[in-house]
């Protein structure tokens, strides 16, 4: 039986490399699943039959409003809001 004498720093280095490799593989799997499972292209959000916002899918509704110039003050008066998937500009 051959015993490798790599020392403490060798074991620490191998452990860090293995941990980093596993984390990178898991992140790659998550990014691949997100790309395949979320719809691609733009979606339209219609608010009160008067304002239409085009945005990328996958985000939350409240995080979409500040990027499109829609203020939170306008949210208090919304009566109905719906999501129309599959329509592109």
Protein backbone atom coordinates (compact mmCIF):
# COMPACT_ATOMS: atom_id res chain seq x y z
CA UNK A 1 0.00 0.00 0.00
CA UNK A 2 1.37 3.39 -0.98
CA UNK A 3 0.78 6.22 1.45
CA UNK A 4 0.83 9.66 -0.11
CA UNK A 5 2.63 12.18 2.00
CA UNK A 6 0.96 15.38 0.89
CA UNK A 7 0.74 16.99 4.28
CA UNK A 8 -1.92 19.12 5.87
CA UNK A 9 -1.88 21.89 3.22
CA UNK A 10 -2.27 19.33 0.46
CA UNK A 11 -5.37 17.91 2.12
CA UNK A 12 -6.78 21.42 2.66
CA UNK A 13 -6.09 22.32 -0.99
CA UNK A 14 -7.74 19.16 -2.31
CA UNK A 15 -10.76 19.74 -0.04
CA UNK A 16 -11.17 23.33 -1.24
CA UNK A 17 -10.83 22.27 -4.88
CA UNK A 18 -13.41 19.49 -4.46
CA UNK A 19 -15.86 21.82 -2.68
CA UNK A 20 -15.42 24.49 -5.36
CA UNK A 21 -15.89 21.94 -8.13
CA UNK A 22 -19.14 20.62 -6.60
CA UNK A 23 -20.50 24.15 -6.12
CA UNK A 24 -19.68 25.10 -9.74
CA UNK A 25 -21.41 21.96 -11.06
CA UNK A 26 -24.54 22.72 -8.99
CA UNK A 27 -24.63 26.35 -10.15
CA UNK A 28 -24.29 25.18 -13.75
CA UNK A 29 -27.20 22.77 -13.28
CA UNK A 30 -29.37 25.57 -11.83
CA UNK A 31 -28.56 27.95 -14.69
CA UNK A 32 -29.31 25.25 -17.26
CA UNK A 33 -32.65 24.41 -15.60
CA UNK A 34 -33.61 28.09 -15.41
CA UNK A 35 -32.88 28.58 -19.11
CA UNK A 36 -34.96 25.54 -20.09
CA UNK A 37 -37.89 26.10 -17.71
CA UNK A 38 -38.54 29.85 -17.96
CA UNK A 39 -40.16 31.28 -21.08
CA UNK A 40 -37.89 33.17 -23.45
CA UNK A 41 -38.57 36.62 -24.90
CA UNK A 42 -40.59 39.55 -23.65
CA UNK A 43 -43.93 39.38 -21.83
CA UNK A 44 -46.61 42.06 -21.57
CA UNK A 45 -48.28 43.06 -18.29
CA UNK A 46 -51.53 45.02 -18.67
CA UNK A 47 -52.63 47.23 -15.77
CA UNK A 48 -56.18 48.61 -15.59
CA UNK A 49 -56.62 48.33 -19.37
CA UNK A 50 -54.55 51.50 -19.77
CA UNK A 51 -50.87 50.80 -19.15
CA UNK A 52 -48.87 48.00 -20.77
CA UNK A 53 -45.42 47.08 -19.47
CA UNK A 54 -43.03 44.89 -21.46
CA UNK A 55 -40.45 43.03 -19.42
CA UNK A 56 -38.38 39.88 -19.24
CA UNK A 57 -40.11 36.87 -17.65
CA UNK A 58 -38.95 35.29 -14.42
CA UNK A 59 -38.90 38.32 -12.13
CA UNK A 60 -41.42 39.25 -9.49
CA UNK A 61 -44.12 41.77 -10.25
CA UNK A 62 -42.98 44.27 -7.61
CA UNK A 63 -39.38 44.16 -8.81
CA UNK A 64 -40.56 44.86 -12.37
CA UNK A 65 -42.34 48.13 -11.55
CA UNK A 66 -39.32 50.30 -10.57
CA UNK A 67 -37.38 49.34 -13.71
CA UNK A 68 -40.25 50.45 -15.96
CA UNK A 69 -40.96 53.77 -14.26
CA UNK A 70 -44.15 52.56 -12.60
CA UNK A 71 -44.23 54.03 -9.07
CA UNK A 72 -45.61 52.33 -5.99
CA UNK A 73 -48.04 55.27 -5.57
CA UNK A 74 -49.96 54.01 -8.62
CA UNK A 75 -50.37 50.55 -7.10
CA UNK A 76 -53.00 51.59 -4.55
CA UNK A 77 -55.60 52.14 -7.27
CA UNK A 78 -55.13 49.01 -9.38
CA UNK A 79 -58.37 47.10 -9.86
CA UNK A 80 -57.23 44.16 -11.93
CA UNK A 81 -53.95 43.01 -13.30
CA UNK A 82 -53.22 40.12 -15.60
CA UNK A 83 -50.29 38.47 -17.23
CA UNK A 84 -50.32 37.73 -20.97
CA UNK A 85 -47.65 35.11 -21.79
CA UNK A 86 -46.32 34.45 -25.24
CA UNK A 87 -46.83 37.89 -26.76
CA UNK A 88 -43.71 39.49 -28.10
CA UNK A 89 -43.15 42.99 -29.37
